[in-house]
Amino acid sequence: MTATTPDIIEGAYRVVSITDLPAARPSPNRRRAAVRIVFWNLAALVAVVVLPLLA
């Protein structure tokens, strides 16, 4: 069931409630995790591509 699907009781087709959640704020932990992933991907790229080119 999606967030905009109304709850129908006993076939009366009366909308009882629609749950629209507020826009979720981005979690600081998720942002830190994304930065950490980008950092390690960049470190791996440097180790695999750039360092052999410089050597």
PDB file of N, CA and C in Angstrom:
ATOM      1  N   MET A   1       0.848  -1.171   0.000  1.00  0.00           N
ATOM      2  CA  MET A   1       0.000   0.000   0.000  1.00  0.00           C
ATOM      3  C   MET A   1       0.895   1.236   0.000  1.00  0.00           C
ATOM      4  N   THR A   2       0.600   2.187  -0.853  1.00  0.00           N
ATOM      5  CA  THR A   2       1.419   3.384  -0.921  1.00  0.00           C
ATOM      6  C   THR A   2       0.948   4.420   0.090  1.00  0.00           C
ATOM      7  N   ALA A   3       1.708   5.475   0.217  1.00  0.00           N
ATOM      8  CA  ALA A   3       1.391   6.507   1.205  1.00  0.00           C
ATOM      9  C   ALA A   3       0.121   7.274   0.851  1.00  0.00           C
ATOM     10  N   THR A   4      -0.272   7.275  -0.411  1.00  0.00           N
ATOM     11  CA  THR A   4      -1.455   8.046  -0.796  1.00  0.00           C
ATOM     12  C   THR A   4      -2.683   7.176  -0.981  1.00  0.00           C
ATOM     13  N   THR A   5      -2.581   5.884  -0.700  1.00  0.00           N
ATOM     14  CA  THR A   5      -3.730   4.998  -0.826  1.00  0.00           C
ATOM     15  C   THR A   5      -4.665   5.206   0.366  1.00  0.00           C
ATOM     16  N   PRO A   6      -5.932   5.537   0.116  1.00  0.00           N
ATOM     17  CA  PRO A   6      -6.841   5.750   1.249  1.00  0.00           C
ATOM     18  C   PRO A   6      -7.234   4.426   1.898  1.00  0.00           C
ATOM     19  N   ASP A   7      -7.508   4.477   3.192  1.00  0.00           N
ATOM     20  CA  ASP A   7      -8.013   3.315   3.908  1.00  0.00           C
ATOM     21  C   ASP A   7      -9.534   3.305   3.775  1.00  0.00           C
ATOM     22  N   ILE A   8     -10.099   2.206   3.282  1.00  0.00           N
ATOM     23  CA  ILE A   8     -11.542   2.107   3.064  1.00  0.00           C
ATOM     24  C   ILE A   8     -12.091   1.085   4.044  1.00  0.00           C
ATOM     25  N   ILE A   9     -13.142   1.455   4.751  1.00  0.00           N
ATOM     26  CA  ILE A   9     -13.727   0.577   5.753  1.00  0.00           C
ATOM     27  C   ILE A   9     -15.081   0.075   5.253  1.00  0.00           C
ATOM     28  N   GLU A  10     -15.254  -1.242   5.223  1.00  0.00           N
ATOM     29  CA  GLU A  10     -16.508  -1.917   4.910  1.00  0.00           C
ATOM     30  C   GLU A  10     -17.123  -1.481   3.583  1.00  0.00           C
ATOM     31  N   GLY A  11     -16.312  -1.190   2.594  1.00  0.00           N
ATOM     32  CA  GLY A  11     -16.821  -0.869   1.270  1.00  0.00           C
ATOM     33  C   GLY A  11     -17.625   0.406   1.196  1.00  0.00           C
ATOM     34  N   ALA A  12     -17.522   1.257   2.175  1.00  0.00           N
ATOM     35  CA  ALA A  12     -18.298   2.488   2.173  1.00  0.00           C
ATOM     36  C   ALA A  12     -17.668   3.544   1.274  1.00  0.00           C
ATOM     37  N   TYR A  13     -16.442   3.292   0.794  1.00  0.00           N
ATOM     38  CA  TYR A  13     -15.733   4.236  -0.063  1.00  0.00           C
ATOM     39  C   TYR A  13     -15.589   5.598   0.588  1.00  0.00           C
ATOM     40  N   ARG A  14     -15.422   5.579   1.868  1.00  0.00           N
ATOM     41  CA  ARG A  14     -15.195   6.821   2.585  1.00  0.00           C
ATOM     42  C   ARG A  14     -13.729   6.842   2.988  1.00  0.00           C
ATOM     43  N   VAL A  15     -13.062   7.930   2.699  1.00  0.00           N
ATOM     44  CA  VAL A  15     -11.643   8.025   3.031  1.00  0.00           C
ATOM     45  C   VAL A  15     -11.520   8.267   4.522  1.00  0.00           C
ATOM     46  N   VAL A  16     -10.825   7.354   5.178  1.00  0.00           N
ATOM     47  CA  VAL A  16     -10.648   7.480   6.622  1.00  0.00           C
ATOM     48  C   VAL A  16      -9.361   8.240   6.920  1.00  0.00           C
ATOM     49  N   SER A  17      -8.292   7.855   6.257  1.00  0.00           N
ATOM     50  CA  SER A  17      -7.039   8.565   6.497  1.00  0.00           C
ATOM     51  C   SER A  17      -6.107   8.377   5.315  1.00  0.00           C
ATOM     52  N   ILE A  18      -5.350   9.383   5.049  1.00  0.00           N
ATOM     53  CA  ILE A  18      -4.275   9.317   4.065  1.00  0.00           C
ATOM     54  C   ILE A  18      -3.019   9.770   4.789  1.00  0.00           C
ATOM     55  N   THR A  19      -2.034   8.894   4.802  1.00  0.00           N
ATOM     56  CA  THR A  19      -0.810   9.235   5.530  1.00  0.00           C
ATOM     57  C   THR A  19       0.224   9.768   4.552  1.00  0.00           C
ATOM     58  N   ASP A  20       0.438  11.057   4.592  1.00  0.00           N
ATOM     59  CA  ASP A  20       1.492  11.689   3.817  1.00  0.00           C
ATOM     60  C   ASP A  20       2.588  12.071   4.805  1.00  0.00           C
ATOM     61  N   LEU A  21       3.693  11.378   4.711  1.00  0.00           N
ATOM     62  CA  LEU A  21       4.797  11.663   5.607  1.00  0.00           C
ATOM     63  C   LEU A  21       5.500  12.935   5.154  1.00  0.00           C
ATOM     64  N   PRO A  22       5.980  13.720   6.094  1.00  0.00           N
ATOM     65  CA  PRO A  22       6.712  14.923   5.698  1.00  0.00           C
ATOM     66  C   PRO A  22       8.010  14.549   4.977  1.00  0.00           C
ATOM     67  N   ALA A  23       8.522  15.489   4.214  1.00  0.00           N
ATOM     68  CA  ALA A  23       9.762  15.234   3.480  1.00  0.00           C
ATOM     69  C   ALA A  23      10.871  14.917   4.475  1.00  0.00           C
ATOM     70  N   ALA A  24      11.498  13.784   4.275  1.00  0.00           N
ATOM     71  CA  ALA A  24      12.532  13.343   5.203  1.00  0.00           C
ATOM     72  C   ALA A  24      13.780  14.202   5.059  1.00  0.00           C
ATOM     73  N   ARG A  25      14.291  14.616   6.182  1.00  0.00           N
ATOM     74  CA  ARG A  25      15.527  15.378   6.194  1.00  0.00           C
ATOM     75  C   ARG A  25      16.689  14.424   6.000  1.00  0.00           C
ATOM     76  N   PRO A  26      17.660  14.773   5.184  1.00  0.00           N
ATOM     77  CA  PRO A  26      18.786  13.847   5.000  1.00  0.00           C
ATOM     78  C   PRO A  26      19.543  13.645   6.308  1.00  0.00           C
ATOM     79  N   SER A  27      19.846  12.403   6.573  1.00  0.00           N
ATOM     80  CA  SER A  27      20.529  12.069   7.813  1.00  0.00           C
ATOM     81  C   SER A  27      22.002  12.458   7.724  1.00  0.00           C
ATOM     82  N   PRO A  28      22.549  13.064   8.786  1.00  0.00           N
ATOM     83  CA  PRO A  28      23.976  13.388   8.763  1.00  0.00           C
ATOM     84  C   PRO A  28      24.841  12.132   8.674  1.00  0.00           C
ATOM     85  N   ASN A  29      24.369  11.019   9.247  1.00  0.00           N
ATOM     86  CA  ASN A  29      25.137   9.778   9.153  1.00  0.00           C
ATOM     87  C   ASN A  29      25.192   9.285   7.716  1.00  0.00           C
ATOM     88  N   ARG A  30      24.101   9.442   6.983  1.00  0.00           N
ATOM     89  CA  ARG A  30      24.081   9.035   5.581  1.00  0.00           C
ATOM     90  C   ARG A  30      25.028   9.911   4.768  1.00  0.00           C
ATOM     91  N   ARG A  31      25.059  11.195   5.089  1.00  0.00           N
ATOM     92  CA  ARG A  31      25.965  12.105   4.377  1.00  0.00           C
ATOM     93  C   ARG A  31      27.415  11.735   4.664  1.00  0.00           C
ATOM     94  N   ARG A  32      27.736  11.434   5.926  1.00  0.00           N
ATOM     95  CA  ARG A  32      29.103  11.020   6.278  1.00  0.00           C
ATOM     96  C   ARG A  32      29.481   9.728   5.565  1.00  0.00           C
ATOM     97  N   ALA A  33      28.539   8.803   5.484  1.00  0.00           N
ATOM     98  CA  ALA A  33      28.808   7.536   4.794  1.00  0.00           C
ATOM     99  C   ALA A  33      29.073   7.786   3.311  1.00  0.00           C
ATOM    100  N   ALA A  34      28.319   8.684   2.703  1.00  0.00           N
ATOM    101  CA  ALA A  34      28.527   8.989   1.288  1.00  0.00           C
ATOM    102  C   ALA A  34      29.893   9.627   1.070  1.00  0.00           C
ATOM    103  N   VAL A  35      30.292  10.526   1.951  1.00  0.00           N
ATOM    104  CA  VAL A  35      31.609  11.159   1.834  1.00  0.00           C
ATOM    105  C   VAL A  35      32.706  10.121   2.008  1.00  0.00           C
ATOM    106  N   ARG A  36      32.511   9.201   2.949  1.00  0.00           N
ATOM    107  CA  ARG A  36      33.503   8.148   3.174  1.00  0.00           C
ATOM    108  C   ARG A  36      33.640   7.252   1.941  1.00  0.00           C
ATOM    109  N   ILE A  37      32.529   6.909   1.304  1.00  0.00           N
ATOM    110  CA  ILE A  37      32.560   6.067   0.101  1.00  0.00           C
ATOM    111  C   ILE A  37      33.282   6.791  -1.027  1.00  0.00           C
ATOM    112  N   VAL A  38      32.975   8.072  -1.213  1.00  0.00           N
ATOM    113  CA  VAL A  38      33.644   8.845  -2.266  1.00  0.00           C
ATOM    114  C   VAL A  38      35.137   8.929  -1.987  1.00  0.00           C
ATOM    115  N   PHE A  39      35.516   9.149  -0.733  1.00  0.00           N
ATOM    116  CA  PHE A  39      36.927   9.245  -0.378  1.00  0.00           C
ATOM    117  C   PHE A  39      37.669   7.950  -0.708  1.00  0.00           C
ATOM    118  N   TRP A  40      37.116   6.817  -0.303  1.00  0.00           N
ATOM    119  CA  TRP A  40      37.810   5.547  -0.540  1.00  0.00           C
ATOM    120  C   TRP A  40      37.817   5.176  -2.014  1.00  0.00           C
ATOM    121  N   ASN A  41      36.756   5.541  -2.744  1.00  0.00           N
ATOM    122  CA  ASN A  41      36.774   5.316  -4.189  1.00  0.00           C
ATOM    123  C   ASN A  41      37.865   6.147  -4.863  1.00  0.00           C
ATOM    124  N   LEU A  42      38.011   7.379  -4.429  1.00  0.00           N
ATOM    125  CA  LEU A  42      39.055   8.238  -4.975  1.00  0.00           C
ATOM    126  C   LEU A  42      40.437   7.693  -4.619  1.00  0.00           C
ATOM    127  N   ALA A  43      40.611   7.225  -3.383  1.00  0.00           N
ATOM    128  CA  ALA A  43      41.892   6.645  -2.967  1.00  0.00           C
ATOM    129  C   ALA A  43      42.220   5.407  -3.800  1.00  0.00           C
ATOM    130  N   ALA A  44      41.246   4.571  -4.063  1.00  0.00           N
ATOM    131  CA  ALA A  44      41.476   3.376  -4.870  1.00  0.00           C
ATOM    132  C   ALA A  44      41.811   3.757  -6.310  1.00  0.00           C
ATOM    133  N   LEU A  45      41.128   4.769  -6.839  1.00  0.00           N
ATOM    134  CA  LEU A  45      41.415   5.226  -8.202  1.00  0.00           C
ATOM    135  C   LEU A  45      42.851   5.730  -8.307  1.00  0.00           C
ATOM    136  N   VAL A  46      43.287   6.507  -7.336  1.00  0.00           N
ATOM    137  CA  VAL A  46      44.663   7.004  -7.340  1.00  0.00           C
ATOM    138  C   VAL A  46      45.640   5.844  -7.251  1.00  0.00           C
ATOM    139  N   ALA A  47      45.372   4.884  -6.378  1.00  0.00           N
ATOM    140  CA  ALA A  47      46.296   3.757  -6.195  1.00  0.00           C
ATOM    141  C   ALA A  47      46.381   2.883  -7.442  1.00  0.00           C
ATOM    142  N   VAL A  48      45.267   2.705  -8.136  1.00  0.00           N
ATOM    143  CA  VAL A  48      45.248   1.777  -9.266  1.00  0.00           C
ATOM    144  C   VAL A  48      45.641   2.452 -10.583  1.00  0.00           C
ATOM    145  N   VAL A  49      45.274   3.711 -10.770  1.00  0.00           N
ATOM    146  CA  VAL A  49      45.469   4.351 -12.060  1.00  0.00           C
ATOM    147  C   VAL A  49      46.636   5.356 -12.030  1.00  0.00           C
ATOM    148  N   VAL A  50      46.601   6.277 -11.094  1.00  0.00           N
ATOM    149  CA  VAL A  50      47.556   7.386 -11.124  1.00  0.00           C
ATOM    150  C   VAL A  50      48.956   6.954 -10.723  1.00  0.00           C
ATOM    151  N   LEU A  51      49.085   6.203  -9.639  1.00  0.00           N
ATOM    152  CA  LEU A  51      50.427   5.802  -9.192  1.00  0.00           C
ATOM    153  C   LEU A  51      51.185   4.983 -10.229  1.00  0.00           C
ATOM    154  N   PRO A  52      50.586   3.995 -10.900  1.00  0.00           N
ATOM    155  CA  PRO A  52      51.349   3.284 -11.953  1.00  0.00           C
ATOM    156  C   PRO A  52      51.745   4.195 -13.120  1.00  0.00           C
ATOM    157  N   LEU A  53      50.940   5.211 -13.418  1.00  0.00           N
ATOM    158  CA  LEU A  53      51.303   6.139 -14.488  1.00  0.00           C
ATOM    159  C   LEU A  53      52.497   6.997 -14.099  1.00  0.00           C
ATOM    160  N   LEU A  54      52.602   7.347 -12.827  1.00  0.00           N
ATOM    161  CA  LEU A  54      53.720   8.156 -12.361  1.00  0.00           C
ATOM    162  C   LEU A  54      54.997   7.355 -12.173  1.00  0.00           C
ATOM    163  N   ALA A  55      54.864   6.072 -11.976  1.00  0.00           N
ATOM    164  CA  ALA A  55      56.053   5.236 -11.718  1.00  0.00           C
ATOM    165  C   ALA A  55      56.829   4.932 -12.964  1.00  0.00           C
TER     166      ALA A  55
END
